[in-house]
PDB file of all heavy atoms in Angstrom:
ATOM      1  N   ALA A   1     159.903  39.367 167.844  1.00  0.00           N
ATOM      2  CA  ALA A   1     160.365  39.700 169.322  1.00  0.00           C
ATOM      3  C   ALA A   1     160.050  38.499 170.079  1.00  0.00           C
ATOM      4  O   ALA A   1     158.847  38.123 170.171  1.00  0.00           O
ATOM      5  CB  ALA A   1     159.772  40.990 169.843  1.00  0.00           C
ATOM      6  N   ARG A   2     160.875  37.943 170.747  1.00  0.00           N
ATOM      7  CA  ARG A   2     160.700  36.738 171.625  1.00  0.00           C
ATOM      8  C   ARG A   2     159.875  37.043 172.780  1.00  0.00           C
ATOM      9  O   ARG A   2     160.033  38.207 173.400  1.00  0.00           O
ATOM     10  CB  ARG A   2     162.033  36.151 172.044  1.00  0.00           C
ATOM     11  CG  ARG A   2     162.660  35.267 170.850  1.00  0.00           C
ATOM     12  CD  ARG A   2     164.000  34.722 171.505  1.00  0.00           C
ATOM     13  NE  ARG A   2     164.638  33.894 170.342  1.00  0.00           N
ATOM     14  CZ  ARG A   2     164.647  32.542 170.476  1.00  0.00           C
ATOM     15  NH1 ARG A   2     164.039  31.798 171.344  1.00  0.00           N
ATOM     16  NH2 ARG A   2     165.345  31.837 169.350  1.00  0.00           N
ATOM     17  N   GLY A   3     159.153  36.101 173.185  1.00  0.00           N
ATOM     18  CA  GLY A   3     158.371  36.322 174.492  1.00  0.00           C
ATOM     19  C   GLY A   3     158.970  35.701 175.663  1.00  0.00           C
ATOM     20  O   GLY A   3     158.498  35.814 176.689  1.00  0.00           O
ATOM     21  N   THR A   4     159.968  34.896 175.455  1.00  0.00           N
ATOM     22  CA  THR A   4     160.635  34.080 176.537  1.00  0.00           C
ATOM     23  C   THR A   4     162.085  34.564 176.553  1.00  0.00           C
ATOM     24  O   THR A   4     162.848  34.385 175.623  1.00  0.00           O
ATOM     25  CB  THR A   4     160.566  32.609 176.375  1.00  0.00           C
ATOM     26  OG1 THR A   4     159.151  32.280 176.099  1.00  0.00           O
ATOM     27  CG2 THR A   4     161.133  31.847 177.522  1.00  0.00           C
ATOM     28  N   ILE A   5     162.537  35.072 177.848  1.00  0.00           N
ATOM     29  CA  ILE A   5     163.892  35.377 178.021  1.00  0.00           C
ATOM     30  C   ILE A   5     164.724  34.152 178.391  1.00  0.00           C
ATOM     31  O   ILE A   5     165.716  33.864 177.818  1.00  0.00           O
ATOM     32  CB  ILE A   5     163.970  36.529 179.050  1.00  0.00           C
ATOM     33  CG1 ILE A   5     163.326  37.671 178.560  1.00  0.00           C
ATOM     34  CG2 ILE A   5     165.475  36.724 179.388  1.00  0.00           C
ATOM     35  CD1 ILE A   5     163.178  38.809 179.653  1.00  0.00           C
ATOM     36  N   TRP A   6     164.132  33.533 179.317  1.00  0.00           N
ATOM     37  CA  TRP A   6     164.803  32.191 179.824  1.00  0.00           C
ATOM     38  C   TRP A   6     163.814  31.293 180.265  1.00  0.00           C
ATOM     39  O   TRP A   6     162.788  31.600 180.851  1.00  0.00           O
ATOM     40  CB  TRP A   6     165.659  32.715 181.080  1.00  0.00           C
ATOM     41  CG  TRP A   6     166.652  31.542 181.616  1.00  0.00           C
ATOM     42  CD1 TRP A   6     167.807  31.086 181.149  1.00  0.00           C
ATOM     43  CD2 TRP A   6     166.284  30.541 182.659  1.00  0.00           C
ATOM     44  NE1 TRP A   6     168.210  30.113 181.870  1.00  0.00           N
ATOM     45  CE2 TRP A   6     167.277  29.780 182.813  1.00  0.00           C
ATOM     46  CE3 TRP A   6     165.143  30.470 183.467  1.00  0.00           C
ATOM     47  CZ2 TRP A   6     167.270  28.736 183.699  1.00  0.00           C
ATOM     48  CZ3 TRP A   6     165.107  29.455 184.384  1.00  0.00           C
ATOM     49  CH2 TRP A   6     166.177  28.702 184.489  1.00  0.00           C
ATOM     50  N   PRO A   7     164.036  30.045 180.077  1.00  0.00           N
ATOM     51  CA  PRO A   7     165.220  29.392 179.276  1.00  0.00           C
ATOM     52  C   PRO A   7     165.041  29.677 177.745  1.00  0.00           C
ATOM     53  O   PRO A   7     163.937  29.699 177.309  1.00  0.00           O
ATOM     54  CB  PRO A   7     165.115  27.971 179.591  1.00  0.00           C
ATOM     55  CG  PRO A   7     163.654  27.660 179.843  1.00  0.00           C
ATOM     56  CD  PRO A   7     163.054  28.940 180.405  1.00  0.00           C
ATOM     57  N   ARG A   8     166.170  29.784 177.139  1.00  0.00           N
ATOM     58  CA  ARG A   8     166.193  29.861 175.737  1.00  0.00           C
ATOM     59  C   ARG A   8     165.373  28.757 175.043  1.00  0.00           C
ATOM     60  O   ARG A   8     165.504  27.562 175.405  1.00  0.00           O
ATOM     61  CB  ARG A   8     167.604  29.884 175.297  1.00  0.00           C
ATOM     62  CG  ARG A   8     167.717  30.143 173.749  1.00  0.00           C
ATOM     63  CD  ARG A   8     169.310  30.276 173.402  1.00  0.00           C
ATOM     64  NE  ARG A   8     169.692  30.761 172.205  1.00  0.00           N
ATOM     65  CZ  ARG A   8     169.077  31.651 171.384  1.00  0.00           C
ATOM     66  NH1 ARG A   8     167.961  32.040 171.799  1.00  0.00           N
ATOM     67  NH2 ARG A   8     169.551  31.884 170.224  1.00  0.00           N
ATOM     68  N   CYS A   9     164.525  29.067 174.138  1.00  0.00           N
ATOM     69  CA  CYS A   9     163.683  27.938 173.524  1.00  0.00           C
ATOM     70  C   CYS A   9     163.742  27.957 172.052  1.00  0.00           C
ATOM     71  O   CYS A   9     164.212  28.947 171.394  1.00  0.00           O
ATOM     72  CB  CYS A   9     162.303  28.072 174.053  1.00  0.00           C
ATOM     73  SG  CYS A   9     161.619  29.691 173.723  1.00  0.00           S
ATOM     74  N   GLU A  10     163.328  26.961 171.455  1.00  0.00           N
ATOM     75  CA  GLU A  10     163.198  26.874 169.934  1.00  0.00           C
ATOM     76  C   GLU A  10     162.075  27.700 169.461  1.00  0.00           C
ATOM     77  O   GLU A  10     161.071  27.934 170.235  1.00  0.00           O
ATOM     78  CB  GLU A  10     162.966  25.431 169.580  1.00  0.00           C
ATOM     79  CG  GLU A  10     164.196  24.501 169.451  1.00  0.00           C
ATOM     80  CD  GLU A  10     163.896  23.179 168.729  1.00  0.00           C
ATOM     81  OE1 GLU A  10     163.236  22.377 169.495  1.00  0.00           O
ATOM     82  OE2 GLU A  10     164.211  23.031 167.622  1.00  0.00           O
ATOM     83  N   VAL A  11     162.281  28.291 168.252  1.00  0.00           N
ATOM     84  CA  VAL A  11     161.193  28.964 167.550  1.00  0.00           C
ATOM     85  C   VAL A  11     161.154  28.370 166.166  1.00  0.00           C
ATOM     86  O   VAL A  11     162.141  27.790 165.616  1.00  0.00           O
ATOM     87  CB  VAL A  11     161.465  30.466 167.441  1.00  0.00           C
ATOM     88  CG1 VAL A  11     161.569  31.026 168.931  1.00  0.00           C
ATOM     89  CG2 VAL A  11     162.612  30.812 166.698  1.00  0.00           C
ATOM     90  N   PHE A  12     159.876  28.486 165.596  1.00  0.00           N
ATOM     91  CA  PHE A  12     159.591  27.880 164.284  1.00  0.00           C
ATOM     92  C   PHE A  12     158.827  28.908 163.543  1.00  0.00           C
ATOM     93  O   PHE A  12     157.821  29.447 164.069  1.00  0.00           O
ATOM     94  CB  PHE A  12     158.895  26.517 164.385  1.00  0.00           C
ATOM     95  CG  PHE A  12     159.605  25.502 164.980  1.00  0.00           C
ATOM     96  CD1 PHE A  12     159.438  25.313 166.441  1.00  0.00           C
ATOM     97  CD2 PHE A  12     160.483  24.698 164.418  1.00  0.00           C
ATOM     98  CE1 PHE A  12     160.101  24.216 167.003  1.00  0.00           C
ATOM     99  CE2 PHE A  12     161.105  23.700 164.974  1.00  0.00           C
ATOM    100  CZ  PHE A  12     161.049  23.312 166.418  1.00  0.00           C
ATOM    101  N   HIS A  13     159.196  29.177 162.238  1.00  0.00           N
ATOM    102  CA  HIS A  13     158.442  29.958 161.360  1.00  0.00           C
ATOM    103  C   HIS A  13     157.861  28.998 160.254  1.00  0.00           C
ATOM    104  O   HIS A  13     158.726  28.404 159.654  1.00  0.00           O
ATOM    105  CB  HIS A  13     159.372  30.994 160.740  1.00  0.00           C
ATOM    106  CG  HIS A  13     159.941  32.045 161.747  1.00  0.00           C
ATOM    107  ND1 HIS A  13     159.487  33.262 161.706  1.00  0.00           N
ATOM    108  CD2 HIS A  13     160.918  31.892 162.538  1.00  0.00           C
ATOM    109  CE1 HIS A  13     160.139  33.875 162.707  1.00  0.00           C
ATOM    110  NE2 HIS A  13     161.039  33.088 163.214  1.00  0.00           N
ATOM    111  N   ILE A  14     156.602  29.003 160.092  1.00  0.00           N
ATOM    112  CA  ILE A  14     155.810  28.198 159.154  1.00  0.00           C
ATOM    113  C   ILE A  14     155.121  28.962 158.185  1.00  0.00           C
ATOM    114  O   ILE A  14     154.304  29.855 158.643  1.00  0.00           O
ATOM    115  CB  ILE A  14     155.073  27.213 160.034  1.00  0.00           C
ATOM    116  CG1 ILE A  14     155.823  26.502 161.152  1.00  0.00           C
ATOM    117  CG2 ILE A  14     154.294  26.220 159.101  1.00  0.00           C
ATOM    118  CD1 ILE A  14     156.818  25.547 160.654  1.00  0.00           C
ATOM    119  N   PRO A  15     155.091  28.730 156.967  1.00  0.00           N
ATOM    120  CA  PRO A  15     154.212  29.332 156.084  1.00  0.00           C
ATOM    121  C   PRO A  15     152.699  29.017 156.384  1.00  0.00           C
ATOM    122  O   PRO A  15     152.420  27.906 156.570  1.00  0.00           O
ATOM    123  CB  PRO A  15     154.528  28.871 154.665  1.00  0.00           C
ATOM    124  CG  PRO A  15     155.695  27.906 154.808  1.00  0.00           C
ATOM    125  CD  PRO A  15     155.976  27.751 156.286  1.00  0.00           C
ATOM    126  N   LEU A  16     151.927  30.019 156.451  1.00  0.00           N
ATOM    127  CA  LEU A  16     150.510  29.797 156.601  1.00  0.00           C
ATOM    128  C   LEU A  16     149.826  29.555 155.307  1.00  0.00           C
ATOM    129  O   LEU A  16     149.445  30.578 154.533  1.00  0.00           O
ATOM    130  CB  LEU A  16     149.887  30.969 157.379  1.00  0.00           C
ATOM    131  CG  LEU A  16     148.533  30.793 158.090  1.00  0.00           C
ATOM    132  CD1 LEU A  16     148.372  31.834 159.160  1.00  0.00           C
ATOM    133  CD2 LEU A  16     147.360  30.694 157.072  1.00  0.00           C
ATOM    134  N   THR A  17     149.642  28.363 154.979  1.00  0.00           N
ATOM    135  CA  THR A  17     148.986  27.889 153.716  1.00  0.00           C
ATOM    136  C   THR A  17     147.945  27.060 154.053  1.00  0.00           C
ATOM    137  O   THR A  17     147.925  26.327 155.150  1.00  0.00           O
ATOM    138  CB  THR A  17     149.969  27.206 152.753  1.00  0.00           C
ATOM    139  OG1 THR A  17     150.384  26.007 153.247  1.00  0.00           O
ATOM    140  CG2 THR A  17     151.096  28.126 152.388  1.00  0.00           C
ATOM    141  N   PRO A  18     146.893  26.772 153.189  1.00  0.00           N
ATOM    142  CA  PRO A  18     145.851  25.773 153.516  1.00  0.00           C
ATOM    143  C   PRO A  18     146.439  24.455 153.838  1.00  0.00           C
ATOM    144  O   PRO A  18     145.970  23.682 154.754  1.00  0.00           O
ATOM    145  CB  PRO A  18     145.031  25.793 152.146  1.00  0.00           C
ATOM    146  CG  PRO A  18     145.144  27.095 151.556  1.00  0.00           C
ATOM    147  CD  PRO A  18     146.575  27.518 151.888  1.00  0.00           C
ATOM    148  N   SER A  19     147.440  23.999 153.032  1.00  0.00           N
ATOM    149  CA  SER A  19     147.937  22.603 153.408  1.00  0.00           C
ATOM    150  C   SER A  19     148.808  22.599 154.645  1.00  0.00           C
ATOM    151  O   SER A  19     148.544  21.612 155.402  1.00  0.00           O
ATOM    152  CB  SER A  19     148.801  22.179 152.239  1.00  0.00           C
ATOM    153  OG  SER A  19     150.024  22.996 152.031  1.00  0.00           O
ATOM    154  N   THR A  20     149.560  23.534 154.968  1.00  0.00           N
ATOM    155  CA  THR A  20     150.131  23.573 156.246  1.00  0.00           C
ATOM    156  C   THR A  20     149.231  23.623 157.542  1.00  0.00           C
ATOM    157  O   THR A  20     149.475  22.968 158.447  1.00  0.00           O
ATOM    158  CB  THR A  20     151.380  24.657 156.388  1.00  0.00           C
ATOM    159  OG1 THR A  20     150.733  25.892 156.317  1.00  0.00           O
ATOM    160  CG2 THR A  20     152.439  24.444 155.494  1.00  0.00           C
ATOM    161  N   ILE A  21     148.212  24.385 157.302  1.00  0.00           N
ATOM    162  CA  ILE A  21     147.173  24.527 158.365  1.00  0.00           C
ATOM    163  C   ILE A  21     146.541  23.181 158.571  1.00  0.00           C
ATOM    164  O   ILE A  21     146.407  22.761 159.811  1.00  0.00           O
ATOM    165  CB  ILE A  21     146.168  25.646 158.080  1.00  0.00           C
ATOM    166  CG1 ILE A  21     146.772  26.941 158.214  1.00  0.00           C
ATOM    167  CG2 ILE A  21     144.970  25.467 158.944  1.00  0.00           C
ATOM    168  CD1 ILE A  21     147.141  27.288 159.547  1.00  0.00           C
ATOM    169  N   GLU A  22     146.142  22.523 157.523  1.00  0.00           N
ATOM    170  CA  GLU A  22     145.390  21.264 157.615  1.00  0.00           C
ATOM    171  C   GLU A  22     146.406  20.119 158.212  1.00  0.00           C
ATOM    172  O   GLU A  22     145.928  19.402 159.088  1.00  0.00           O
ATOM    173  CB  GLU A  22     144.756  20.835 156.344  1.00  0.00           C
ATOM    174  CG  GLU A  22     143.899  19.702 156.430  1.00  0.00           C
ATOM    175  CD  GLU A  22     142.816  19.797 157.579  1.00  0.00           C
ATOM    176  OE1 GLU A  22     142.231  20.962 157.849  1.00  0.00           O
ATOM    177  OE2 GLU A  22     142.522  18.752 158.358  1.00  0.00           O
ATOM    178  N   GLU A  23     147.542  20.118 157.691  1.00  0.00           N
ATOM    179  CA  GLU A  23     148.529  19.114 158.269  1.00  0.00           C
ATOM    180  C   GLU A  23     148.789  19.296 159.795  1.00  0.00           C
ATOM    181  O   GLU A  23     148.727  18.377 160.423  1.00  0.00           O
ATOM    182  CB  GLU A  23     149.851  19.184 157.475  1.00  0.00           C
ATOM    183  CG  GLU A  23     149.782  18.696 156.025  1.00  0.00           C
ATOM    184  CD  GLU A  23     151.024  19.100 155.404  1.00  0.00           C
ATOM    185  OE1 GLU A  23     151.922  19.561 155.857  1.00  0.00           O
ATOM    186  OE2 GLU A  23     150.992  18.822 154.100  1.00  0.00           O
ATOM    187  N   LEU A  24     148.901  20.564 160.213  1.00  0.00           N
ATOM    188  CA  LEU A  24     149.255  20.820 161.567  1.00  0.00           C
ATOM    189  C   LEU A  24     148.090  20.521 162.424  1.00  0.00           C
ATOM    190  O   LEU A  24     148.104  20.133 163.514  1.00  0.00           O
ATOM    191  CB  LEU A  24     149.806  22.193 161.691  1.00  0.00           C
ATOM    192  CG  LEU A  24     150.217  22.565 163.057  1.00  0.00           C
ATOM    193  CD1 LEU A  24     151.197  21.619 163.710  1.00  0.00           C
ATOM    194  CD2 LEU A  24     150.652  24.091 163.102  1.00  0.00           C
ATOM    195  N   ALA A  25     146.850  20.970 161.871  1.00  0.00           N
ATOM    196  CA  ALA A  25     145.572  20.701 162.686  1.00  0.00           C
ATOM    197  C   ALA A  25     145.421  19.240 162.876  1.00  0.00           C
ATOM    198  O   ALA A  25     144.919  18.727 163.966  1.00  0.00           O
ATOM    199  CB  ALA A  25     144.427  21.321 161.836  1.00  0.00           C
ATOM    200  N   GLU A  26     145.661  18.502 161.800  1.00  0.00           N
ATOM    201  CA  GLU A  26     145.523  16.960 162.066  1.00  0.00           C
ATOM    202  C   GLU A  26     146.488  16.414 163.053  1.00  0.00           C
ATOM    203  O   GLU A  26     146.072  15.583 163.879  1.00  0.00           O
ATOM    204  CB  GLU A  26     145.720  16.297 160.691  1.00  0.00           C
ATOM    205  CG  GLU A  26     144.640  16.424 159.797  1.00  0.00           C
ATOM    206  CD  GLU A  26     144.782  15.861 158.318  1.00  0.00           C
ATOM    207  OE1 GLU A  26     145.758  14.997 158.245  1.00  0.00           O
ATOM    208  OE2 GLU A  26     143.958  16.147 157.436  1.00  0.00           O
ATOM    209  N   ILE A  27     147.678  16.978 162.995  1.00  0.00           N
ATOM    210  CA  ILE A  27     148.673  16.457 164.101  1.00  0.00           C
ATOM    211  C   ILE A  27     148.209  16.878 165.455  1.00  0.00           C
ATOM    212  O   ILE A  27     148.351  16.222 166.493  1.00  0.00           O
ATOM    213  CB  ILE A  27     150.058  16.943 163.703  1.00  0.00           C
ATOM    214  CG1 ILE A  27     150.618  16.294 162.381  1.00  0.00           C
ATOM    215  CG2 ILE A  27     151.034  16.762 164.991  1.00  0.00           C
ATOM    216  CD1 ILE A  27     151.922  16.925 161.860  1.00  0.00           C
ATOM    217  N   SER A  28     147.640  18.091 165.456  1.00  0.00           N
ATOM    218  CA  SER A  28     147.346  18.701 166.852  1.00  0.00           C
ATOM    219  C   SER A  28     146.147  18.060 167.450  1.00  0.00           C
ATOM    220  O   SER A  28     145.990  18.254 168.630  1.00  0.00           O
ATOM    221  CB  SER A  28     147.142  20.176 166.686  1.00  0.00           C
ATOM    222  OG  SER A  28     145.835  20.521 165.878  1.00  0.00           O
ATOM    223  N   GLU A  29     145.468  17.254 166.643  1.00  0.00           N
ATOM    224  CA  GLU A  29     144.401  16.521 167.369  1.00  0.00           C
ATOM    225  C   GLU A  29     144.950  15.369 168.225  1.00  0.00           C
ATOM    226  O   GLU A  29     144.167  14.851 169.004  1.00  0.00           O
ATOM    227  CB  GLU A  29     143.445  15.938 166.104  1.00  0.00           C
ATOM    228  CG  GLU A  29     142.693  16.901 165.417  1.00  0.00           C
ATOM    229  CD  GLU A  29     141.902  16.446 164.211  1.00  0.00           C
ATOM    230  OE1 GLU A  29     142.219  15.336 163.780  1.00  0.00           O
ATOM    231  OE2 GLU A  29     141.108  17.256 163.631  1.00  0.00           O
ATOM    232  N   ARG A  30     146.233  15.109 168.079  1.00  0.00           N
ATOM    233  CA  ARG A  30     146.796  13.926 168.791  1.00  0.00           C
ATOM    234  C   ARG A  30     147.817  14.434 169.800  1.00  0.00           C
ATOM    235  O   ARG A  30     148.569  13.673 170.408  1.00  0.00           O
ATOM    236  CB  ARG A  30     147.554  12.938 167.824  1.00  0.00           C
ATOM    237  CG  ARG A  30     146.529  12.336 166.838  1.00  0.00           C
ATOM    238  CD  ARG A  30     147.140  11.383 165.902  1.00  0.00           C
ATOM    239  NE  ARG A  30     148.103  11.967 164.946  1.00  0.00           N
ATOM    240  CZ  ARG A  30     147.818  12.443 163.807  1.00  0.00           C
ATOM    241  NH1 ARG A  30     146.505  12.588 163.464  1.00  0.00           N
ATOM    242  NH2 ARG A  30     148.683  12.976 163.009  1.00  0.00           N
ATOM    243  N   ILE A  31     147.891  15.869 170.046  1.00  0.00           N
ATOM    244  CA  ILE A  31     148.931  16.284 171.017  1.00  0.00           C
ATOM    245  C   ILE A  31     148.252  17.400 171.933  1.00  0.00           C
ATOM    246  O   ILE A  31     147.141  17.732 171.725  1.00  0.00           O
ATOM    247  CB  ILE A  31     150.098  16.940 170.171  1.00  0.00           C
ATOM    248  CG1 ILE A  31     149.651  18.235 169.502  1.00  0.00           C
ATOM    249  CG2 ILE A  31     150.893  16.071 169.356  1.00  0.00           C
ATOM    250  CD1 ILE A  31     150.847  19.078 169.019  1.00  0.00           C
ATOM    251  N   ALA A  32     148.937  17.683 172.915  1.00  0.00           N
ATOM    252  CA  ALA A  32     148.450  18.798 173.797  1.00  0.00           C
ATOM    253  C   ALA A  32     149.204  19.970 173.355  1.00  0.00           C
ATOM    254  O   ALA A  32     150.321  19.970 172.802  1.00  0.00           O
ATOM    255  CB  ALA A  32     148.911  18.435 175.229  1.00  0.00           C
ATOM    256  N   TYR A  33     148.421  21.205 173.307  1.00  0.00           N
ATOM    257  CA  TYR A  33     148.921  22.373 172.658  1.00  0.00           C
ATOM    258  C   TYR A  33     150.339  22.782 173.178  1.00  0.00           C
ATOM    259  O   TYR A  33     151.170  23.351 172.384  1.00  0.00           O
ATOM    260  CB  TYR A  33     147.979  23.545 172.836  1.00  0.00           C
ATOM    261  CG  TYR A  33     147.853  24.133 174.238  1.00  0.00           C
ATOM    262  CD1 TYR A  33     148.710  25.081 174.659  1.00  0.00           C
ATOM    263  CD2 TYR A  33     146.871  23.752 175.067  1.00  0.00           C
ATOM    264  CE1 TYR A  33     148.644  25.508 175.957  1.00  0.00           C
ATOM    265  CE2 TYR A  33     146.783  24.193 176.369  1.00  0.00           C
ATOM    266  CZ  TYR A  33     147.696  25.107 176.875  1.00  0.00           C
ATOM    267  OH  TYR A  33     147.620  25.570 178.038  1.00  0.00           O
ATOM    268  N   PRO A  34     150.772  22.628 174.482  1.00  0.00           N
ATOM    269  CA  PRO A  34     152.170  23.018 174.829  1.00  0.00           C
ATOM    270  C   PRO A  34     153.207  22.329 174.125  1.00  0.00           C
ATOM    271  O   PRO A  34     154.433  22.857 174.161  1.00  0.00           O
ATOM    272  CB  PRO A  34     152.069  22.718 176.370  1.00  0.00           C
ATOM    273  CG  PRO A  34     150.749  22.654 176.765  1.00  0.00           C
ATOM    274  CD  PRO A  34     149.902  22.161 175.623  1.00  0.00           C
ATOM    275  N   GLU A  35     152.887  21.278 173.474  1.00  0.00           N
ATOM    276  CA  GLU A  35     153.889  20.536 172.829  1.00  0.00           C
ATOM    277  C   GLU A  35     154.415  21.398 171.460  1.00  0.00           C
ATOM    278  O   GLU A  35     155.375  21.392 171.096  1.00  0.00           O
ATOM    279  CB  GLU A  35     153.473  19.096 172.264  1.00  0.00           C
ATOM    280  CG  GLU A  35     153.244  18.196 173.404  1.00  0.00           C
ATOM    281  CD  GLU A  35     152.795  16.814 172.984  1.00  0.00           C
ATOM    282  OE1 GLU A  35     153.441  16.209 172.087  1.00  0.00           O
ATOM    283  OE2 GLU A  35     151.661  16.313 173.335  1.00  0.00           O
ATOM    284  N   LEU A  36     153.305  22.136 170.919  1.00  0.00           N
ATOM    285  CA  LEU A  36     153.641  22.974 169.811  1.00  0.00           C
ATOM    286  C   LEU A  36     154.240  24.242 170.268  1.00  0.00           C
ATOM    287  O   LEU A  36     155.232  24.702 169.758  1.00  0.00           O
ATOM    288  CB  LEU A  36     152.340  23.220 169.017  1.00  0.00           C
ATOM    289  CG  LEU A  36     152.357  24.251 167.811  1.00  0.00           C
ATOM    290  CD1 LEU A  36     153.453  23.682 166.798  1.00  0.00           C
ATOM    291  CD2 LEU A  36     150.997  24.407 167.204  1.00  0.00           C
ATOM    292  N   ALA A  37     153.587  24.958 171.183  1.00  0.00           N
ATOM    293  CA  ALA A  37     154.162  26.332 171.544  1.00  0.00           C
ATOM    294  C   ALA A  37     153.501  26.878 172.743  1.00  0.00           C
ATOM    295  O   ALA A  37     152.290  26.459 173.088  1.00  0.00           O
ATOM    296  CB  ALA A  37     154.041  27.307 170.406  1.00  0.00           C
TER     297      ALA A  37
END
C-alpha cells in the first residue's frame, strides 16, 4: 500500500540479503536518507 497519494513517486522492491544490505549501506554513507526514500 502506497504512503504517498500525490505526487506520484517511484517505488523500489529490493531483496533483503546480506549483500544487498551491505552494498546499500555503503552507498548510504555518501547520501542523505531522503535520496533513498
